[in-house]
């Protein structure tokens, strides 16, 4: 009923279990489950570019903020002569 890949097998299992539970309760409704790999949703290159630049700017802000933190820590150690 499903391939060896878990990304395909899990939705099939959920579908079988959900429909079995619905039949046990005498329901006429049915659950339909499908699986689409993640990469099909991320084909929008403009969105990928935007996500890249947001992550890049976040990393640059972190890179600019961390060295002064280490320098302040070293100066405090020097002032109290902990070395």
PDB file of N, CA and C in Angstrom:
ATOM      1  N   UNK A   1       0.807  -1.206   0.000  1.00  0.00           N
ATOM      2  CA  UNK A   1       0.000   0.000   0.000  1.00  0.00           C
ATOM      3  C   UNK A   1       0.844   1.261   0.000  1.00  0.00           C
ATOM      4  N   UNK A   2       2.044   1.184   0.510  1.00  0.00           N
ATOM      5  CA  UNK A   2       2.890   2.377   0.505  1.00  0.00           C
ATOM      6  C   UNK A   2       4.316   1.969   0.192  1.00  0.00           C
ATOM      7  N   UNK A   3       5.099   2.933  -0.234  1.00  0.00           N
ATOM      8  CA  UNK A   3       6.493   2.674  -0.561  1.00  0.00           C
ATOM      9  C   UNK A   3       7.328   2.525   0.698  1.00  0.00           C
ATOM     10  N   UNK A   4       8.599   2.299   0.498  1.00  0.00           N
ATOM     11  CA  UNK A   4       9.504   2.098   1.630  1.00  0.00           C
ATOM     12  C   UNK A   4       9.877   3.417   2.312  1.00  0.00           C
ATOM     13  N   UNK A   5       9.595   4.522   1.673  1.00  0.00           N
ATOM     14  CA  UNK A   5       9.961   5.809   2.249  1.00  0.00           C
ATOM     15  C   UNK A   5       8.924   6.245   3.282  1.00  0.00           C
ATOM     16  N   UNK A   6       9.360   6.686   4.456  1.00  0.00           N
ATOM     17  CA  UNK A   6       8.408   7.096   5.495  1.00  0.00           C
ATOM     18  C   UNK A   6       7.556   8.292   5.105  1.00  0.00           C
ATOM     19  N   UNK A   7       8.073   9.159   4.221  1.00  0.00           N
ATOM     20  CA  UNK A   7       7.288  10.337   3.838  1.00  0.00           C
ATOM     21  C   UNK A   7       6.036   9.921   3.075  1.00  0.00           C
ATOM     22  N   UNK A   8       6.075   8.772   2.408  1.00  0.00           N
ATOM     23  CA  UNK A   8       4.903   8.282   1.689  1.00  0.00           C
ATOM     24  C   UNK A   8       4.061   7.357   2.547  1.00  0.00           C
ATOM     25  N   UNK A   9       4.686   6.620   3.435  1.00  0.00           N
ATOM     26  CA  UNK A   9       3.983   5.589   4.195  1.00  0.00           C
ATOM     27  C   UNK A   9       3.135   6.183   5.330  1.00  0.00           C
ATOM     28  N   UNK A  10       3.601   7.209   5.986  1.00  0.00           N
ATOM     29  CA  UNK A  10       2.870   7.758   7.134  1.00  0.00           C
ATOM     30  C   UNK A  10       1.499   8.315   6.758  1.00  0.00           C
ATOM     31  N   UNK A  11       1.367   9.107   5.694  1.00  0.00           N
ATOM     32  CA  UNK A  11       0.019   9.576   5.331  1.00  0.00           C
ATOM     33  C   UNK A  11      -0.932   8.438   4.972  1.00  0.00           C
ATOM     34  N   UNK A  12      -0.425   7.380   4.349  1.00  0.00           N
ATOM     35  CA  UNK A  12      -1.275   6.234   4.025  1.00  0.00           C
ATOM     36  C   UNK A  12      -1.753   5.566   5.303  1.00  0.00           C
ATOM     37  N   UNK A  13      -0.855   5.420   6.269  1.00  0.00           N
ATOM     38  CA  UNK A  13      -1.226   4.827   7.555  1.00  0.00           C
ATOM     39  C   UNK A  13      -2.268   5.679   8.282  1.00  0.00           C
ATOM     40  N   UNK A  14      -2.096   6.988   8.279  1.00  0.00           N
ATOM     41  CA  UNK A  14      -3.062   7.891   8.909  1.00  0.00           C
ATOM     42  C   UNK A  14      -4.419   7.788   8.220  1.00  0.00           C
ATOM     43  N   UNK A  15      -4.408   7.685   6.910  1.00  0.00           N
ATOM     44  CA  UNK A  15      -5.645   7.559   6.157  1.00  0.00           C
ATOM     45  C   UNK A  15      -6.371   6.266   6.516  1.00  0.00           C
ATOM     46  N   UNK A  16      -5.651   5.165   6.563  1.00  0.00           N
ATOM     47  CA  UNK A  16      -6.267   3.877   6.889  1.00  0.00           C
ATOM     48  C   UNK A  16      -6.844   3.891   8.300  1.00  0.00           C
ATOM     49  N   UNK A  17      -6.067   4.385   9.255  1.00  0.00           N
ATOM     50  CA  UNK A  17      -6.541   4.415  10.644  1.00  0.00           C
ATOM     51  C   UNK A  17      -7.730   5.355  10.826  1.00  0.00           C
ATOM     52  N   UNK A  18      -7.689   6.509  10.196  1.00  0.00           N
ATOM     53  CA  UNK A  18      -8.784   7.470  10.344  1.00  0.00           C
ATOM     54  C   UNK A  18     -10.079   6.932   9.756  1.00  0.00           C
ATOM     55  N   UNK A  19      -9.987   6.356   8.571  1.00  0.00           N
ATOM     56  CA  UNK A  19     -11.187   5.815   7.949  1.00  0.00           C
ATOM     57  C   UNK A  19     -11.713   4.598   8.700  1.00  0.00           C
ATOM     58  N   UNK A  20     -10.831   3.805   9.284  1.00  0.00           N
ATOM     59  CA  UNK A  20     -11.273   2.664  10.091  1.00  0.00           C
ATOM     60  C   UNK A  20     -12.023   3.145  11.328  1.00  0.00           C
ATOM     61  N   UNK A  21     -11.496   4.164  11.992  1.00  0.00           N
ATOM     62  CA  UNK A  21     -12.184   4.702  13.172  1.00  0.00           C
ATOM     63  C   UNK A  21     -13.533   5.318  12.794  1.00  0.00           C
ATOM     64  N   UNK A  22     -13.598   5.977  11.663  1.00  0.00           N
ATOM     65  CA  UNK A  22     -14.876   6.545  11.230  1.00  0.00           C
ATOM     66  C   UNK A  22     -15.902   5.449  10.934  1.00  0.00           C
ATOM     67  N   UNK A  23     -15.473   4.356  10.333  1.00  0.00           N
ATOM     68  CA  UNK A  23     -16.397   3.252  10.052  1.00  0.00           C
ATOM     69  C   UNK A  23     -16.870   2.580  11.332  1.00  0.00           C
ATOM     70  N   UNK A  24     -15.983   2.534  12.353  1.00  0.00           N
ATOM     71  CA  UNK A  24     -16.379   1.935  13.632  1.00  0.00           C
ATOM     72  C   UNK A  24     -17.509   2.729  14.287  1.00  0.00           C
ATOM     73  N   UNK A  25     -17.517   4.023  14.077  1.00  0.00           N
ATOM     74  CA  UNK A  25     -18.559   4.873  14.658  1.00  0.00           C
ATOM     75  C   UNK A  25     -19.720   5.116  13.701  1.00  0.00           C
ATOM     76  N   UNK A  26     -19.834   4.295  12.666  1.00  0.00           N
ATOM     77  CA  UNK A  26     -20.919   4.353  11.683  1.00  0.00           C
ATOM     78  C   UNK A  26     -21.055   5.723  11.012  1.00  0.00           C
ATOM     79  N   UNK A  27     -19.941   6.303  10.685  1.00  0.00           N
ATOM     80  CA  UNK A  27     -19.956   7.599  10.018  1.00  0.00           C
ATOM     81  C   UNK A  27     -19.879   7.396   8.508  1.00  0.00           C
ATOM     82  N   UNK A  28     -20.509   8.290   7.774  1.00  0.00           N
ATOM     83  CA  UNK A  28     -20.427   8.225   6.317  1.00  0.00           C
ATOM     84  C   UNK A  28     -19.307   9.117   5.779  1.00  0.00           C
ATOM     85  N   UNK A  29     -18.703   9.903   6.645  1.00  0.00           N
ATOM     86  CA  UNK A  29     -17.608  10.785   6.228  1.00  0.00           C
ATOM     87  C   UNK A  29     -16.345   9.965   5.985  1.00  0.00           C
ATOM     88  N   UNK A  30     -15.483  10.512   5.175  1.00  0.00           N
ATOM     89  CA  UNK A  30     -14.209   9.854   4.892  1.00  0.00           C
ATOM     90  C   UNK A  30     -13.088  10.878   5.007  1.00  0.00           C
ATOM     91  N   UNK A  31     -11.938  10.406   5.415  1.00  0.00           N
ATOM     92  CA  UNK A  31     -10.761  11.259   5.520  1.00  0.00           C
ATOM     93  C   UNK A  31      -9.862  10.959   4.322  1.00  0.00           C
ATOM     94  N   UNK A  32      -9.410  11.994   3.674  1.00  0.00           N
ATOM     95  CA  UNK A  32      -8.507  11.837   2.539  1.00  0.00           C
ATOM     96  C   UNK A  32      -7.196  12.530   2.880  1.00  0.00           C
ATOM     97  N   UNK A  33      -6.109  11.795   2.825  1.00  0.00           N
ATOM     98  CA  UNK A  33      -4.800  12.315   3.183  1.00  0.00           C
ATOM     99  C   UNK A  33      -3.878  12.168   1.978  1.00  0.00           C
ATOM    100  N   UNK A  34      -3.059  13.188   1.727  1.00  0.00           N
ATOM    101  CA  UNK A  34      -2.084  13.088   0.655  1.00  0.00           C
ATOM    102  C   UNK A  34      -0.777  13.673   1.131  1.00  0.00           C
ATOM    103  N   UNK A  35       0.263  13.305   0.467  1.00  0.00           N
ATOM    104  CA  UNK A  35       1.601  13.738   0.845  1.00  0.00           C
ATOM    105  C   UNK A  35       2.258  14.422  -0.338  1.00  0.00           C
ATOM    106  N   UNK A  36       2.820  15.589  -0.066  1.00  0.00           N
ATOM    107  CA  UNK A  36       3.619  16.283  -1.062  1.00  0.00           C
ATOM    108  C   UNK A  36       4.964  16.585  -0.428  1.00  0.00           C
ATOM    109  N   UNK A  37       6.032  16.247  -1.097  1.00  0.00           N
ATOM    110  CA  UNK A  37       7.354  16.536  -0.535  1.00  0.00           C
ATOM    111  C   UNK A  37       7.541  18.032  -0.309  1.00  0.00           C
ATOM    112  N   UNK A  38       8.415  18.352   0.587  1.00  0.00           N
ATOM    113  CA  UNK A  38       8.640  19.744   0.976  1.00  0.00           C
ATOM    114  C   UNK A  38       9.132  20.598  -0.184  1.00  0.00           C
ATOM    115  N   UNK A  39       9.955  20.043  -1.030  1.00  0.00           N
ATOM    116  CA  UNK A  39      10.547  20.856  -2.078  1.00  0.00           C
ATOM    117  C   UNK A  39       9.536  21.358  -3.097  1.00  0.00           C
ATOM    118  N   UNK A  40       8.363  20.757  -3.186  1.00  0.00           N
ATOM    119  CA  UNK A  40       7.382  21.272  -4.131  1.00  0.00           C
ATOM    120  C   UNK A  40       6.793  22.599  -3.663  1.00  0.00           C
ATOM    121  N   UNK A  41       6.832  22.852  -2.365  1.00  0.00           N
ATOM    122  CA  UNK A  41       6.288  24.097  -1.842  1.00  0.00           C
ATOM    123  C   UNK A  41       7.316  25.224  -1.882  1.00  0.00           C
ATOM    124  N   UNK A  42       8.572  24.869  -1.991  1.00  0.00           N
ATOM    125  CA  UNK A  42       9.618  25.888  -1.945  1.00  0.00           C
ATOM    126  C   UNK A  42      10.202  26.186  -3.320  1.00  0.00           C
ATOM    127  N   UNK A  43       9.415  26.075  -4.350  1.00  0.00           N
ATOM    128  CA  UNK A  43       9.920  26.354  -5.678  1.00  0.00           C
ATOM    129  C   UNK A  43       9.830  27.829  -6.041  1.00  0.00           C
ATOM    130  N   UNK A  44       9.257  28.627  -5.181  1.00  0.00           N
ATOM    131  CA  UNK A  44       9.159  30.058  -5.439  1.00  0.00           C
ATOM    132  C   UNK A  44      10.520  30.685  -5.172  1.00  0.00           C
ATOM    133  N   UNK A  45      11.235  31.077  -6.210  1.00  0.00           N
ATOM    134  CA  UNK A  45      12.592  31.580  -6.043  1.00  0.00           C
ATOM    135  C   UNK A  45      12.609  32.934  -5.330  1.00  0.00           C
ATOM    136  N   UNK A  46      11.574  33.740  -5.496  1.00  0.00           N
ATOM    137  CA  UNK A  46      11.536  35.038  -4.808  1.00  0.00           C
ATOM    138  C   UNK A  46      11.421  34.823  -3.301  1.00  0.00           C
ATOM    139  N   UNK A  47      10.616  33.866  -2.888  1.00  0.00           N
ATOM    140  CA  UNK A  47      10.482  33.581  -1.463  1.00  0.00           C
ATOM    141  C   UNK A  47      11.781  33.002  -0.912  1.00  0.00           C
ATOM    142  N   UNK A  48      12.444  32.127  -1.670  1.00  0.00           N
ATOM    143  CA  UNK A  48      13.724  31.578  -1.241  1.00  0.00           C
ATOM    144  C   UNK A  48      14.757  32.690  -1.069  1.00  0.00           C
ATOM    145  N   UNK A  49      14.762  33.626  -1.997  1.00  0.00           N
ATOM    146  CA  UNK A  49      15.712  34.732  -1.922  1.00  0.00           C
ATOM    147  C   UNK A  49      15.425  35.602  -0.701  1.00  0.00           C
ATOM    148  N   UNK A  50      14.155  35.850  -0.414  1.00  0.00           N
ATOM    149  CA  UNK A  50      13.795  36.650   0.754  1.00  0.00           C
ATOM    150  C   UNK A  50      14.207  35.957   2.051  1.00  0.00           C
ATOM    151  N   UNK A  51      13.950  34.669   2.137  1.00  0.00           N
ATOM    152  CA  UNK A  51      14.341  33.908   3.332  1.00  0.00           C
ATOM    153  C   UNK A  51      15.853  33.925   3.494  1.00  0.00           C
ATOM    154  N   UNK A  52      16.586  33.791   2.386  1.00  0.00           N
ATOM    155  CA  UNK A  52      18.043  33.820   2.439  1.00  0.00           C
ATOM    156  C   UNK A  52      18.542  35.154   2.978  1.00  0.00           C
ATOM    157  N   UNK A  53      17.989  36.266   2.483  1.00  0.00           N
ATOM    158  CA  UNK A  53      18.467  37.575   2.921  1.00  0.00           C
ATOM    159  C   UNK A  53      18.080  37.876   4.364  1.00  0.00           C
ATOM    160  N   UNK A  54      16.941  37.386   4.825  1.00  0.00           N
ATOM    161  CA  UNK A  54      16.575  37.559   6.234  1.00  0.00           C
ATOM    162  C   UNK A  54      17.550  36.794   7.119  1.00  0.00           C
ATOM    163  N   UNK A  55      17.850  35.562   6.746  1.00  0.00           N
ATOM    164  CA  UNK A  55      18.804  34.769   7.535  1.00  0.00           C
ATOM    165  C   UNK A  55      20.201  35.373   7.486  1.00  0.00           C
ATOM    166  N   UNK A  56      20.602  35.846   6.313  1.00  0.00           N
ATOM    167  CA  UNK A  56      21.918  36.460   6.173  1.00  0.00           C
ATOM    168  C   UNK A  56      22.034  37.719   7.030  1.00  0.00           C
ATOM    169  N   UNK A  57      21.020  38.568   7.016  1.00  0.00           N
ATOM    170  CA  UNK A  57      21.082  39.788   7.819  1.00  0.00           C
ATOM    171  C   UNK A  57      21.075  39.466   9.310  1.00  0.00           C
ATOM    172  N   UNK A  58      20.336  38.447   9.708  1.00  0.00           N
ATOM    173  CA  UNK A  58      20.332  38.035  11.112  1.00  0.00           C
ATOM    174  C   UNK A  58      21.723  37.558  11.528  1.00  0.00           C
ATOM    175  N   UNK A  59      22.355  36.765  10.666  1.00  0.00           N
ATOM    176  CA  UNK A  59      23.703  36.274  10.986  1.00  0.00           C
ATOM    177  C   UNK A  59      24.717  37.414  11.033  1.00  0.00           C
ATOM    178  N   UNK A  60      24.573  38.399  10.151  1.00  0.00           N
ATOM    179  CA  UNK A  60      25.497  39.535  10.170  1.00  0.00           C
ATOM    180  C   UNK A  60      25.332  40.361  11.442  1.00  0.00           C
ATOM    181  N   UNK A  61      24.109  40.517  11.901  1.00  0.00           N
ATOM    182  CA  UNK A  61      23.878  41.240  13.151  1.00  0.00           C
ATOM    183  C   UNK A  61      24.506  40.491  14.311  1.00  0.00           C
ATOM    184  N   UNK A  62      24.346  39.168  14.326  1.00  0.00           N
ATOM    185  CA  UNK A  62      24.971  38.372  15.377  1.00  0.00           C
ATOM    186  C   UNK A  62      26.486  38.449  15.305  1.00  0.00           C
ATOM    187  N   UNK A  63      27.027  38.384  14.091  1.00  0.00           N
ATOM    188  CA  UNK A  63      28.479  38.436  13.925  1.00  0.00           C
ATOM    189  C   UNK A  63      29.031  39.785  14.365  1.00  0.00           C
ATOM    190  N   UNK A  64      28.267  40.848  14.187  1.00  0.00           N
ATOM    191  CA  UNK A  64      28.736  42.169  14.607  1.00  0.00           C
ATOM    192  C   UNK A  64      28.590  42.363  16.109  1.00  0.00           C
ATOM    193  N   UNK A  65      27.663  41.657  16.737  1.00  0.00           N
ATOM    194  CA  UNK A  65      27.418  41.866  18.155  1.00  0.00           C
ATOM    195  C   UNK A  65      28.209  40.979  19.091  1.00  0.00           C
ATOM    196  N   UNK A  66      28.695  39.855  18.619  1.00  0.00           N
ATOM    197  CA  UNK A  66      29.391  38.929  19.510  1.00  0.00           C
ATOM    198  C   UNK A  66      30.824  39.331  19.874  1.00  0.00           C
ATOM    199  N   UNK A  67      31.663  39.814  18.961  1.00  0.00           N
ATOM    200  CA  UNK A  67      33.035  40.168  19.354  1.00  0.00           C
ATOM    201  C   UNK A  67      33.123  41.212  20.471  1.00  0.00           C
ATOM    202  N   UNK A  68      32.297  42.273  20.492  1.00  0.00           N
ATOM    203  CA  UNK A  68      32.375  43.190  21.631  1.00  0.00           C
ATOM    204  C   UNK A  68      32.021  42.512  22.957  1.00  0.00           C
ATOM    205  N   UNK A  69      31.160  41.556  22.922  1.00  0.00           N
ATOM    206  CA  UNK A  69      30.810  40.833  24.140  1.00  0.00           C
ATOM    207  C   UNK A  69      32.022  40.112  24.711  1.00  0.00           C
ATOM    208  N   UNK A  70      32.797  39.477  23.857  1.00  0.00           N
ATOM    209  CA  UNK A  70      34.006  38.798  24.319  1.00  0.00           C
ATOM    210  C   UNK A  70      35.047  39.798  24.797  1.00  0.00           C
ATOM    211  N   UNK A  71      35.148  40.943  24.117  1.00  0.00           N
ATOM    212  CA  UNK A  71      36.126  41.953  24.516  1.00  0.00           C
ATOM    213  C   UNK A  71      35.783  42.524  25.884  1.00  0.00           C
ATOM    214  N   UNK A  72      34.511  42.790  26.150  1.00  0.00           N
ATOM    215  CA  UNK A  72      34.097  43.317  27.451  1.00  0.00           C
ATOM    216  C   UNK A  72      34.386  42.300  28.540  1.00  0.00           C
ATOM    217  N   UNK A  73      34.136  41.040  28.245  1.00  0.00           N
ATOM    218  CA  UNK A  73      34.395  39.995  29.229  1.00  0.00           C
ATOM    219  C   UNK A  73      35.886  39.929  29.552  1.00  0.00           C
ATOM    220  N   UNK A  74      36.737  40.026  28.540  1.00  0.00           N
ATOM    221  CA  UNK A  74      38.180  39.991  28.777  1.00  0.00           C
ATOM    222  C   UNK A  74      38.655  41.213  29.545  1.00  0.00           C
ATOM    223  N   UNK A  75      38.079  42.377  29.275  1.00  0.00           N
ATOM    224  CA  UNK A  75      38.474  43.590  30.012  1.00  0.00           C
ATOM    225  C   UNK A  75      38.083  43.493  31.473  1.00  0.00           C
ATOM    226  N   UNK A  76      36.926  42.920  31.750  1.00  0.00           N
ATOM    227  CA  UNK A  76      36.513  42.762  33.149  1.00  0.00           C
ATOM    228  C   UNK A  76      37.453  41.804  33.874  1.00  0.00           C
ATOM    229  N   UNK A  77      37.865  40.745  33.189  1.00  0.00           N
ATOM    230  CA  UNK A  77      38.825  39.816  33.787  1.00  0.00           C
ATOM    231  C   UNK A  77      40.158  40.521  34.054  1.00  0.00           C
ATOM    232  N   UNK A  78      40.579  41.383  33.150  1.00  0.00           N
ATOM    233  CA  UNK A  78      41.835  42.106  33.316  1.00  0.00           C
ATOM    234  C   UNK A  78      41.746  43.088  34.490  1.00  0.00           C
ATOM    235  N   UNK A  79      40.587  43.760  34.649  1.00  0.00           N
ATOM    236  CA  UNK A  79      40.441  44.733  35.724  1.00  0.00           C
ATOM    237  C   UNK A  79      40.493  44.084  37.104  1.00  0.00           C
ATOM    238  N   UNK A  80      39.871  42.907  37.238  1.00  0.00           N
ATOM    239  CA  UNK A  80      39.881  42.250  38.537  1.00  0.00           C
ATOM    240  C   UNK A  80      41.089  41.343  38.717  1.00  0.00           C
ATOM    241  N   UNK A  81      41.969  41.338  37.722  1.00  0.00           N
ATOM    242  CA  UNK A  81      43.217  40.561  37.717  1.00  0.00           C
ATOM    243  C   UNK A  81      42.957  39.084  38.024  1.00  0.00           C
ATOM    244  N   UNK A  82      42.010  38.534  37.293  1.00  0.00           N
ATOM    245  CA  UNK A  82      41.671  37.127  37.501  1.00  0.00           C
ATOM    246  C   UNK A  82      42.594  36.176  36.746  1.00  0.00           C
ATOM    247  N   UNK A  83      43.491  36.726  35.960  1.00  0.00           N
ATOM    248  CA  UNK A  83      44.386  35.857  35.185  1.00  0.00           C
ATOM    249  C   UNK A  83      45.668  35.620  35.860  1.00  0.00           C
TER     250      UNK A  83
END
